[in-house]
């Protein structure tokens, strides 16, 4: 018997997500353009992906596995890797 239960308001960031998932990496996010991927330095077993916030590098086993990908949602990593990728791509 909860009296006058008030549901807490959810935080609205105003950010719209256009990908299938908010935190995971899906196959449609992987960049297959050879012109772009050839200029980005990646280790074996890594792929270049792009979402609303820009490019990032993630291991191939993180694509389409149904789990959150910290390479995508970690803010410090994204800032570092995004700057590095944009330097390698130039004025892309």
PDB file of N, CA and C in Angstrom:
ATOM      1  N   UNK A   1       0.811  -1.175   0.000  1.00  0.00           N
ATOM      2  CA  UNK A   1       0.000   0.000   0.000  1.00  0.00           C
ATOM      3  C   UNK A   1       0.865   1.254   0.000  1.00  0.00           C
ATOM      4  N   UNK A   2       1.344   1.569  -1.133  1.00  0.00           N
ATOM      5  CA  UNK A   2       2.164   2.775  -1.247  1.00  0.00           C
ATOM      6  C   UNK A   2       1.253   3.965  -1.508  1.00  0.00           C
ATOM      7  N   UNK A   3       1.371   4.947  -0.654  1.00  0.00           N
ATOM      8  CA  UNK A   3       0.561   6.144  -0.809  1.00  0.00           C
ATOM      9  C   UNK A   3       1.306   7.175  -1.640  1.00  0.00           C
ATOM     10  N   UNK A   4       0.630   7.699  -2.607  1.00  0.00           N
ATOM     11  CA  UNK A   4       1.164   8.794  -3.414  1.00  0.00           C
ATOM     12  C   UNK A   4       2.596   8.531  -3.890  1.00  0.00           C
ATOM     13  N   UNK A   5       2.805   7.368  -4.422  1.00  0.00           N
ATOM     14  CA  UNK A   5       4.139   7.024  -4.925  1.00  0.00           C
ATOM     15  C   UNK A   5       4.466   7.892  -6.133  1.00  0.00           C
ATOM     16  N   UNK A   6       5.569   8.606  -6.054  1.00  0.00           N
ATOM     17  CA  UNK A   6       5.992   9.485  -7.144  1.00  0.00           C
ATOM     18  C   UNK A   6       7.189   8.844  -7.832  1.00  0.00           C
ATOM     19  N   UNK A   7       7.031   8.598  -9.091  1.00  0.00           N
ATOM     20  CA  UNK A   7       8.099   7.992  -9.862  1.00  0.00           C
ATOM     21  C   UNK A   7       9.183   9.038 -10.141  1.00  0.00           C
ATOM     22  N   UNK A   8      10.455   8.709  -9.878  1.00  0.00           N
ATOM     23  CA  UNK A   8      11.511   9.698 -10.128  1.00  0.00           C
ATOM     24  C   UNK A   8      11.643   9.998 -11.620  1.00  0.00           C
ATOM     25  N   UNK A   9      11.980  11.239 -11.930  1.00  0.00           N
ATOM     26  CA  UNK A   9      12.153  11.643 -13.326  1.00  0.00           C
ATOM     27  C   UNK A   9      13.442  11.075 -13.877  1.00  0.00           C
ATOM     28  N   UNK A  10      13.403  10.701 -15.117  1.00  0.00           N
ATOM     29  CA  UNK A  10      14.602  10.211 -15.776  1.00  0.00           C
ATOM     30  C   UNK A  10      15.371  11.393 -16.349  1.00  0.00           C
ATOM     31  N   UNK A  11      16.668  11.254 -16.379  1.00  0.00           N
ATOM     32  CA  UNK A  11      17.513  12.314 -16.918  1.00  0.00           C
ATOM     33  C   UNK A  11      17.439  12.308 -18.438  1.00  0.00           C
ATOM     34  N   UNK A  12      17.168  13.424 -19.008  1.00  0.00           N
ATOM     35  CA  UNK A  12      17.083  13.560 -20.460  1.00  0.00           C
ATOM     36  C   UNK A  12      18.317  14.302 -20.953  1.00  0.00           C
ATOM     37  N   UNK A  13      19.129  13.655 -21.735  1.00  0.00           N
ATOM     38  CA  UNK A  13      20.342  14.290 -22.236  1.00  0.00           C
ATOM     39  C   UNK A  13      20.107  15.017 -23.547  1.00  0.00           C
ATOM     40  N   UNK A  14      19.037  14.693 -24.222  1.00  0.00           N
ATOM     41  CA  UNK A  14      18.780  15.312 -25.512  1.00  0.00           C
ATOM     42  C   UNK A  14      19.561  14.655 -26.634  1.00  0.00           C
ATOM     43  N   UNK A  15      20.284  13.595 -26.327  1.00  0.00           N
ATOM     44  CA  UNK A  15      21.099  12.912 -27.320  1.00  0.00           C
ATOM     45  C   UNK A  15      20.295  11.793 -27.960  1.00  0.00           C
ATOM     46  N   UNK A  16      20.271  11.751 -29.258  1.00  0.00           N
ATOM     47  CA  UNK A  16      19.557  10.717 -29.985  1.00  0.00           C
ATOM     48  C   UNK A  16      20.551   9.671 -30.480  1.00  0.00           C
ATOM     49  N   UNK A  17      20.252   8.424 -30.245  1.00  0.00           N
ATOM     50  CA  UNK A  17      21.118   7.332 -30.681  1.00  0.00           C
ATOM     51  C   UNK A  17      20.547   6.755 -31.967  1.00  0.00           C
ATOM     52  N   UNK A  18      21.349   6.727 -33.020  1.00  0.00           N
ATOM     53  CA  UNK A  18      20.865   6.234 -34.304  1.00  0.00           C
ATOM     54  C   UNK A  18      21.366   4.829 -34.618  1.00  0.00           C
ATOM     55  N   UNK A  19      22.130   4.226 -33.718  1.00  0.00           N
ATOM     56  CA  UNK A  19      22.620   2.868 -33.924  1.00  0.00           C
ATOM     57  C   UNK A  19      21.671   1.871 -33.276  1.00  0.00           C
ATOM     58  N   UNK A  20      21.865   0.588 -33.561  1.00  0.00           N
ATOM     59  CA  UNK A  20      20.982  -0.451 -33.035  1.00  0.00           C
ATOM     60  C   UNK A  20      21.094  -0.598 -31.524  1.00  0.00           C
ATOM     61  N   UNK A  21      22.256  -0.294 -30.974  1.00  0.00           N
ATOM     62  CA  UNK A  21      22.493  -0.448 -29.549  1.00  0.00           C
ATOM     63  C   UNK A  21      23.216   0.779 -29.014  1.00  0.00           C
ATOM     64  N   UNK A  22      23.007   1.070 -27.744  1.00  0.00           N
ATOM     65  CA  UNK A  22      23.622   2.261 -27.151  1.00  0.00           C
ATOM     66  C   UNK A  22      25.055   2.016 -26.714  1.00  0.00           C
ATOM     67  N   UNK A  23      25.415   0.784 -26.381  1.00  0.00           N
ATOM     68  CA  UNK A  23      26.739   0.524 -25.833  1.00  0.00           C
ATOM     69  C   UNK A  23      27.542  -0.534 -26.577  1.00  0.00           C
ATOM     70  N   UNK A  24      26.903  -1.380 -27.343  1.00  0.00           N
ATOM     71  CA  UNK A  24      27.608  -2.447 -28.044  1.00  0.00           C
ATOM     72  C   UNK A  24      28.036  -2.020 -29.437  1.00  0.00           C
ATOM     73  N   UNK A  25      28.822  -2.872 -30.079  1.00  0.00           N
ATOM     74  CA  UNK A  25      29.265  -2.637 -31.449  1.00  0.00           C
ATOM     75  C   UNK A  25      28.625  -3.679 -32.348  1.00  0.00           C
ATOM     76  N   UNK A  26      27.983  -3.224 -33.422  1.00  0.00           N
ATOM     77  CA  UNK A  26      27.336  -4.131 -34.361  1.00  0.00           C
ATOM     78  C   UNK A  26      28.072  -4.107 -35.698  1.00  0.00           C
ATOM     79  N   UNK A  27      27.794  -5.094 -36.515  1.00  0.00           N
ATOM     80  CA  UNK A  27      28.488  -5.238 -37.788  1.00  0.00           C
ATOM     81  C   UNK A  27      28.279  -4.082 -38.741  1.00  0.00           C
ATOM     82  N   UNK A  28      27.129  -3.420 -38.660  1.00  0.00           N
ATOM     83  CA  UNK A  28      26.889  -2.296 -39.560  1.00  0.00           C
ATOM     84  C   UNK A  28      27.682  -1.053 -39.155  1.00  0.00           C
ATOM     85  N   UNK A  29      28.313  -1.064 -37.995  1.00  0.00           N
ATOM     86  CA  UNK A  29      29.129   0.069 -37.547  1.00  0.00           C
ATOM     87  C   UNK A  29      30.584  -0.058 -38.001  1.00  0.00           C
ATOM     88  N   UNK A  30      30.993  -1.245 -38.447  1.00  0.00           N
ATOM     89  CA  UNK A  30      32.367  -1.489 -38.872  1.00  0.00           C
ATOM     90  C   UNK A  30      32.614  -0.792 -40.205  1.00  0.00           C
ATOM     91  N   UNK A  31      33.726  -0.075 -40.290  1.00  0.00           N
ATOM     92  CA  UNK A  31      34.096   0.654 -41.507  1.00  0.00           C
ATOM     93  C   UNK A  31      34.819  -0.301 -42.437  1.00  0.00           C
ATOM     94  N   UNK A  32      34.288  -0.486 -43.648  1.00  0.00           N
ATOM     95  CA  UNK A  32      34.877  -1.393 -44.627  1.00  0.00           C
ATOM     96  C   UNK A  32      35.552  -0.657 -45.770  1.00  0.00           C
ATOM     97  N   UNK A  33      35.583   0.658 -45.722  1.00  0.00           N
ATOM     98  CA  UNK A  33      36.193   1.464 -46.772  1.00  0.00           C
ATOM     99  C   UNK A  33      37.710   1.336 -46.690  1.00  0.00           C
ATOM    100  N   UNK A  34      38.312   0.692 -47.674  1.00  0.00           N
ATOM    101  CA  UNK A  34      39.757   0.444 -47.675  1.00  0.00           C
ATOM    102  C   UNK A  34      40.559   1.742 -47.671  1.00  0.00           C
ATOM    103  N   UNK A  35      40.032   2.789 -48.276  1.00  0.00           N
ATOM    104  CA  UNK A  35      40.706   4.083 -48.302  1.00  0.00           C
ATOM    105  C   UNK A  35      40.903   4.636 -46.887  1.00  0.00           C
ATOM    106  N   UNK A  36      39.931   4.425 -46.020  1.00  0.00           N
ATOM    107  CA  UNK A  36      40.009   4.913 -44.643  1.00  0.00           C
ATOM    108  C   UNK A  36      40.802   3.945 -43.759  1.00  0.00           C
ATOM    109  N   UNK A  37      40.483   2.659 -43.826  1.00  0.00           N
ATOM    110  CA  UNK A  37      41.123   1.688 -42.930  1.00  0.00           C
ATOM    111  C   UNK A  37      42.612   1.523 -43.206  1.00  0.00           C
ATOM    112  N   UNK A  38      43.050   1.769 -44.429  1.00  0.00           N
ATOM    113  CA  UNK A  38      44.473   1.628 -44.739  1.00  0.00           C
ATOM    114  C   UNK A  38      45.312   2.735 -44.098  1.00  0.00           C
ATOM    115  N   UNK A  39      44.700   3.876 -43.773  1.00  0.00           N
ATOM    116  CA  UNK A  39      45.441   4.990 -43.176  1.00  0.00           C
ATOM    117  C   UNK A  39      45.436   4.979 -41.653  1.00  0.00           C
ATOM    118  N   UNK A  40      44.638   4.101 -41.038  1.00  0.00           N
ATOM    119  CA  UNK A  40      44.564   4.032 -39.575  1.00  0.00           C
ATOM    120  C   UNK A  40      45.398   2.849 -39.101  1.00  0.00           C
ATOM    121  N   UNK A  41      46.288   3.104 -38.134  1.00  0.00           N
ATOM    122  CA  UNK A  41      47.151   2.053 -37.605  1.00  0.00           C
ATOM    123  C   UNK A  41      46.375   1.223 -36.589  1.00  0.00           C
ATOM    124  N   UNK A  42      46.187  -0.058 -36.925  1.00  0.00           N
ATOM    125  CA  UNK A  42      45.487  -0.981 -36.038  1.00  0.00           C
ATOM    126  C   UNK A  42      46.307  -2.254 -35.918  1.00  0.00           C
ATOM    127  N   UNK A  43      46.165  -2.931 -34.789  1.00  0.00           N
ATOM    128  CA  UNK A  43      46.826  -4.208 -34.591  1.00  0.00           C
ATOM    129  C   UNK A  43      46.001  -5.299 -35.252  1.00  0.00           C
ATOM    130  N   UNK A  44      46.594  -6.453 -35.394  1.00  0.00           N
ATOM    131  CA  UNK A  44      45.900  -7.599 -35.958  1.00  0.00           C
ATOM    132  C   UNK A  44      44.708  -7.965 -35.073  1.00  0.00           C
ATOM    133  N   UNK A  45      43.581  -8.251 -35.666  1.00  0.00           N
ATOM    134  CA  UNK A  45      42.386  -8.620 -34.914  1.00  0.00           C
ATOM    135  C   UNK A  45      41.555  -7.440 -34.457  1.00  0.00           C
ATOM    136  N   UNK A  46      41.902  -6.229 -34.889  1.00  0.00           N
ATOM    137  CA  UNK A  46      41.123  -5.047 -34.533  1.00  0.00           C
ATOM    138  C   UNK A  46      40.401  -4.513 -35.764  1.00  0.00           C
ATOM    139  N   UNK A  47      39.284  -3.827 -35.520  1.00  0.00           N
ATOM    140  CA  UNK A  47      38.517  -3.222 -36.598  1.00  0.00           C
ATOM    141  C   UNK A  47      38.246  -1.760 -36.262  1.00  0.00           C
ATOM    142  N   UNK A  48      38.019  -0.986 -37.295  1.00  0.00           N
ATOM    143  CA  UNK A  48      37.644   0.416 -37.142  1.00  0.00           C
ATOM    144  C   UNK A  48      36.128   0.497 -37.231  1.00  0.00           C
ATOM    145  N   UNK A  49      35.517   1.151 -36.253  1.00  0.00           N
ATOM    146  CA  UNK A  49      34.061   1.292 -36.226  1.00  0.00           C
ATOM    147  C   UNK A  49      33.708   2.769 -36.105  1.00  0.00           C
ATOM    148  N   UNK A  50      32.486   3.100 -36.495  1.00  0.00           N
ATOM    149  CA  UNK A  50      32.025   4.483 -36.429  1.00  0.00           C
ATOM    150  C   UNK A  50      30.602   4.516 -35.897  1.00  0.00           C
ATOM    151  N   UNK A  51      30.371   5.428 -34.939  1.00  0.00           N
ATOM    152  CA  UNK A  51      29.029   5.649 -34.429  1.00  0.00           C
ATOM    153  C   UNK A  51      28.740   7.144 -34.462  1.00  0.00           C
ATOM    154  N   UNK A  52      27.720   7.582 -33.735  1.00  0.00           N
ATOM    155  CA  UNK A  52      27.336   8.990 -33.743  1.00  0.00           C
ATOM    156  C   UNK A  52      28.439   9.912 -33.230  1.00  0.00           C
ATOM    157  N   UNK A  53      29.290   9.409 -32.342  1.00  0.00           N
ATOM    158  CA  UNK A  53      30.346  10.229 -31.747  1.00  0.00           C
ATOM    159  C   UNK A  53      31.623  10.225 -32.566  1.00  0.00           C
ATOM    160  N   UNK A  54      31.736   9.376 -33.568  1.00  0.00           N
ATOM    161  CA  UNK A  54      32.928   9.341 -34.411  1.00  0.00           C
ATOM    162  C   UNK A  54      33.521   7.948 -34.517  1.00  0.00           C
ATOM    163  N   UNK A  55      34.803   7.900 -34.897  1.00  0.00           N
ATOM    164  CA  UNK A  55      35.503   6.636 -35.100  1.00  0.00           C
ATOM    165  C   UNK A  55      36.083   6.118 -33.793  1.00  0.00           C
ATOM    166  N   UNK A  56      36.225   4.786 -33.711  1.00  0.00           N
ATOM    167  CA  UNK A  56      36.950   4.154 -32.611  1.00  0.00           C
ATOM    168  C   UNK A  56      37.449   2.791 -33.075  1.00  0.00           C
ATOM    169  N   UNK A  57      38.457   2.272 -32.382  1.00  0.00           N
ATOM    170  CA  UNK A  57      39.042   0.978 -32.711  1.00  0.00           C
ATOM    171  C   UNK A  57      38.635  -0.007 -31.624  1.00  0.00           C
ATOM    172  N   UNK A  58      38.219  -1.194 -32.041  1.00  0.00           N
ATOM    173  CA  UNK A  58      37.783  -2.214 -31.099  1.00  0.00           C
ATOM    174  C   UNK A  58      38.221  -3.593 -31.594  1.00  0.00           C
ATOM    175  N   UNK A  59      38.398  -4.557 -30.695  1.00  0.00           N
ATOM    176  CA  UNK A  59      38.735  -5.917 -31.129  1.00  0.00           C
ATOM    177  C   UNK A  59      37.592  -6.534 -31.937  1.00  0.00           C
ATOM    178  N   UNK A  60      37.940  -7.377 -32.882  1.00  0.00           N
ATOM    179  CA  UNK A  60      36.945  -8.009 -33.749  1.00  0.00           C
ATOM    180  C   UNK A  60      35.953  -8.869 -32.959  1.00  0.00           C
ATOM    181  N   UNK A  61      36.388  -9.445 -31.829  1.00  0.00           N
ATOM    182  CA  UNK A  61      35.493 -10.303 -31.065  1.00  0.00           C
ATOM    183  C   UNK A  61      34.435  -9.523 -30.281  1.00  0.00           C
ATOM    184  N   UNK A  62      34.511  -8.195 -30.254  1.00  0.00           N
ATOM    185  CA  UNK A  62      33.506  -7.367 -29.594  1.00  0.00           C
ATOM    186  C   UNK A  62      32.364  -6.988 -30.529  1.00  0.00           C
ATOM    187  N   UNK A  63      32.470  -7.341 -31.800  1.00  0.00           N
ATOM    188  CA  UNK A  63      31.437  -7.002 -32.784  1.00  0.00           C
ATOM    189  C   UNK A  63      30.359  -8.083 -32.778  1.00  0.00           C
ATOM    190  N   UNK A  64      29.108  -7.659 -32.652  1.00  0.00           N
ATOM    191  CA  UNK A  64      27.935  -8.544 -32.688  1.00  0.00           C
ATOM    192  C   UNK A  64      27.971  -9.666 -31.653  1.00  0.00           C
ATOM    193  N   UNK A  65      28.506  -9.393 -30.452  1.00  0.00           N
ATOM    194  CA  UNK A  65      28.511 -10.440 -29.434  1.00  0.00           C
ATOM    195  C   UNK A  65      27.433 -10.209 -28.370  1.00  0.00           C
ATOM    196  N   UNK A  66      26.694  -9.104 -28.464  1.00  0.00           N
ATOM    197  CA  UNK A  66      25.605  -8.849 -27.533  1.00  0.00           C
ATOM    198  C   UNK A  66      26.027  -8.226 -26.215  1.00  0.00           C
ATOM    199  N   UNK A  67      27.303  -7.935 -26.052  1.00  0.00           N
ATOM    200  CA  UNK A  67      27.802  -7.333 -24.824  1.00  0.00           C
ATOM    201  C   UNK A  67      28.173  -5.873 -25.057  1.00  0.00           C
ATOM    202  N   UNK A  68      28.259  -5.118 -23.976  1.00  0.00           N
ATOM    203  CA  UNK A  68      28.697  -3.731 -24.080  1.00  0.00           C
ATOM    204  C   UNK A  68      30.184  -3.699 -24.450  1.00  0.00           C
ATOM    205  N   UNK A  69      30.562  -2.746 -25.248  1.00  0.00           N
ATOM    206  CA  UNK A  69      31.940  -2.595 -25.700  1.00  0.00           C
ATOM    207  C   UNK A  69      32.531  -1.350 -25.047  1.00  0.00           C
ATOM    208  N   UNK A  70      33.458  -1.547 -24.100  1.00  0.00           N
ATOM    209  CA  UNK A  70      34.001  -0.398 -23.384  1.00  0.00           C
ATOM    210  C   UNK A  70      34.794   0.504 -24.312  1.00  0.00           C
ATOM    211  N   UNK A  71      35.263  -0.010 -25.428  1.00  0.00           N
ATOM    212  CA  UNK A  71      35.971   0.827 -26.398  1.00  0.00           C
ATOM    213  C   UNK A  71      35.039   1.890 -26.977  1.00  0.00           C
ATOM    214  N   UNK A  72      33.755   1.610 -26.932  1.00  0.00           N
ATOM    215  CA  UNK A  72      32.779   2.554 -27.459  1.00  0.00           C
ATOM    216  C   UNK A  72      32.308   3.560 -26.412  1.00  0.00           C
ATOM    217  N   UNK A  73      32.086   3.137 -25.185  1.00  0.00           N
ATOM    218  CA  UNK A  73      31.470   4.046 -24.220  1.00  0.00           C
ATOM    219  C   UNK A  73      32.435   4.678 -23.218  1.00  0.00           C
ATOM    220  N   UNK A  74      33.712   4.277 -23.185  1.00  0.00           N
ATOM    221  CA  UNK A  74      34.672   4.887 -22.260  1.00  0.00           C
ATOM    222  C   UNK A  74      35.109   6.249 -22.802  1.00  0.00           C
ATOM    223  N   UNK A  75      34.773   7.298 -22.083  1.00  0.00           N
ATOM    224  CA  UNK A  75      34.983   8.664 -22.562  1.00  0.00           C
ATOM    225  C   UNK A  75      36.463   8.992 -22.743  1.00  0.00           C
ATOM    226  N   UNK A  76      37.313   8.611 -21.793  1.00  0.00           N
ATOM    227  CA  UNK A  76      38.734   8.923 -21.895  1.00  0.00           C
ATOM    228  C   UNK A  76      39.370   8.220 -23.085  1.00  0.00           C
ATOM    229  N   UNK A  77      39.033   6.947 -23.279  1.00  0.00           N
ATOM    230  CA  UNK A  77      39.563   6.211 -24.422  1.00  0.00           C
ATOM    231  C   UNK A  77      39.090   6.836 -25.729  1.00  0.00           C
ATOM    232  N   UNK A  78      37.798   7.194 -25.787  1.00  0.00           N
ATOM    233  CA  UNK A  78      37.254   7.765 -27.010  1.00  0.00           C
ATOM    234  C   UNK A  78      37.934   9.078 -27.375  1.00  0.00           C
ATOM    235  N   UNK A  79      38.191   9.937 -26.388  1.00  0.00           N
ATOM    236  CA  UNK A  79      38.864  11.209 -26.664  1.00  0.00           C
ATOM    237  C   UNK A  79      40.262  10.961 -27.207  1.00  0.00           C
ATOM    238  N   UNK A  80      41.000  10.052 -26.570  1.00  0.00           N
ATOM    239  CA  UNK A  80      42.367   9.748 -26.991  1.00  0.00           C
ATOM    240  C   UNK A  80      42.389   9.149 -28.397  1.00  0.00           C
ATOM    241  N   UNK A  81      41.598   8.112 -28.606  1.00  0.00           N
ATOM    242  CA  UNK A  81      41.643   7.400 -29.882  1.00  0.00           C
ATOM    243  C   UNK A  81      41.043   8.223 -31.013  1.00  0.00           C
ATOM    244  N   UNK A  82      40.039   9.038 -30.712  1.00  0.00           N
ATOM    245  CA  UNK A  82      39.437   9.880 -31.741  1.00  0.00           C
ATOM    246  C   UNK A  82      40.438  10.907 -32.251  1.00  0.00           C
ATOM    247  N   UNK A  83      41.175  11.530 -31.350  1.00  0.00           N
ATOM    248  CA  UNK A  83      42.202  12.484 -31.764  1.00  0.00           C
ATOM    249  C   UNK A  83      43.280  11.804 -32.591  1.00  0.00           C
ATOM    250  N   UNK A  84      43.674  10.621 -32.167  1.00  0.00           N
ATOM    251  CA  UNK A  84      44.707   9.863 -32.888  1.00  0.00           C
ATOM    252  C   UNK A  84      44.235   9.490 -34.296  1.00  0.00           C
ATOM    253  N   UNK A  85      43.000   9.021 -34.413  1.00  0.00           N
ATOM    254  CA  UNK A  85      42.456   8.620 -35.713  1.00  0.00           C
ATOM    255  C   UNK A  85      42.307   9.836 -36.628  1.00  0.00           C
ATOM    256  N   UNK A  86      41.811  10.939 -36.092  1.00  0.00           N
ATOM    257  CA  UNK A  86      41.628  12.133 -36.920  1.00  0.00           C
ATOM    258  C   UNK A  86      42.966  12.686 -37.419  1.00  0.00           C
ATOM    259  N   UNK A  87      44.029  12.559 -36.631  1.00  0.00           N
ATOM    260  CA  UNK A  87      45.356  12.949 -37.101  1.00  0.00           C
ATOM    261  C   UNK A  87      45.795  12.075 -38.264  1.00  0.00           C
ATOM    262  N   UNK A  88      45.537  10.758 -38.165  1.00  0.00           N
ATOM    263  CA  UNK A  88      45.935   9.827 -39.221  1.00  0.00           C
ATOM    264  C   UNK A  88      45.102  10.027 -40.481  1.00  0.00           C
ATOM    265  N   UNK A  89      43.828  10.380 -40.345  1.00  0.00           N
ATOM    266  CA  UNK A  89      42.970  10.566 -41.508  1.00  0.00           C
ATOM    267  C   UNK A  89      43.120  11.936 -42.137  1.00  0.00           C
ATOM    268  N   UNK A  90      43.634  12.890 -41.383  1.00  0.00           N
ATOM    269  CA  UNK A  90      43.762  14.248 -41.915  1.00  0.00           C
ATOM    270  C   UNK A  90      42.443  14.963 -41.878  1.00  0.00           C
ATOM    271  N   UNK A  91      42.014  15.545 -42.972  1.00  0.00           N
ATOM    272  CA  UNK A  91      40.775  16.327 -43.029  1.00  0.00           C
ATOM    273  C   UNK A  91      39.613  15.493 -43.546  1.00  0.00           C
ATOM    274  N   UNK A  92      39.423  14.346 -43.035  1.00  0.00           N
ATOM    275  CA  UNK A  92      38.356  13.435 -43.444  1.00  0.00           C
ATOM    276  C   UNK A  92      37.032  13.898 -42.968  1.00  0.00           C
TER     277      UNK A  92
END
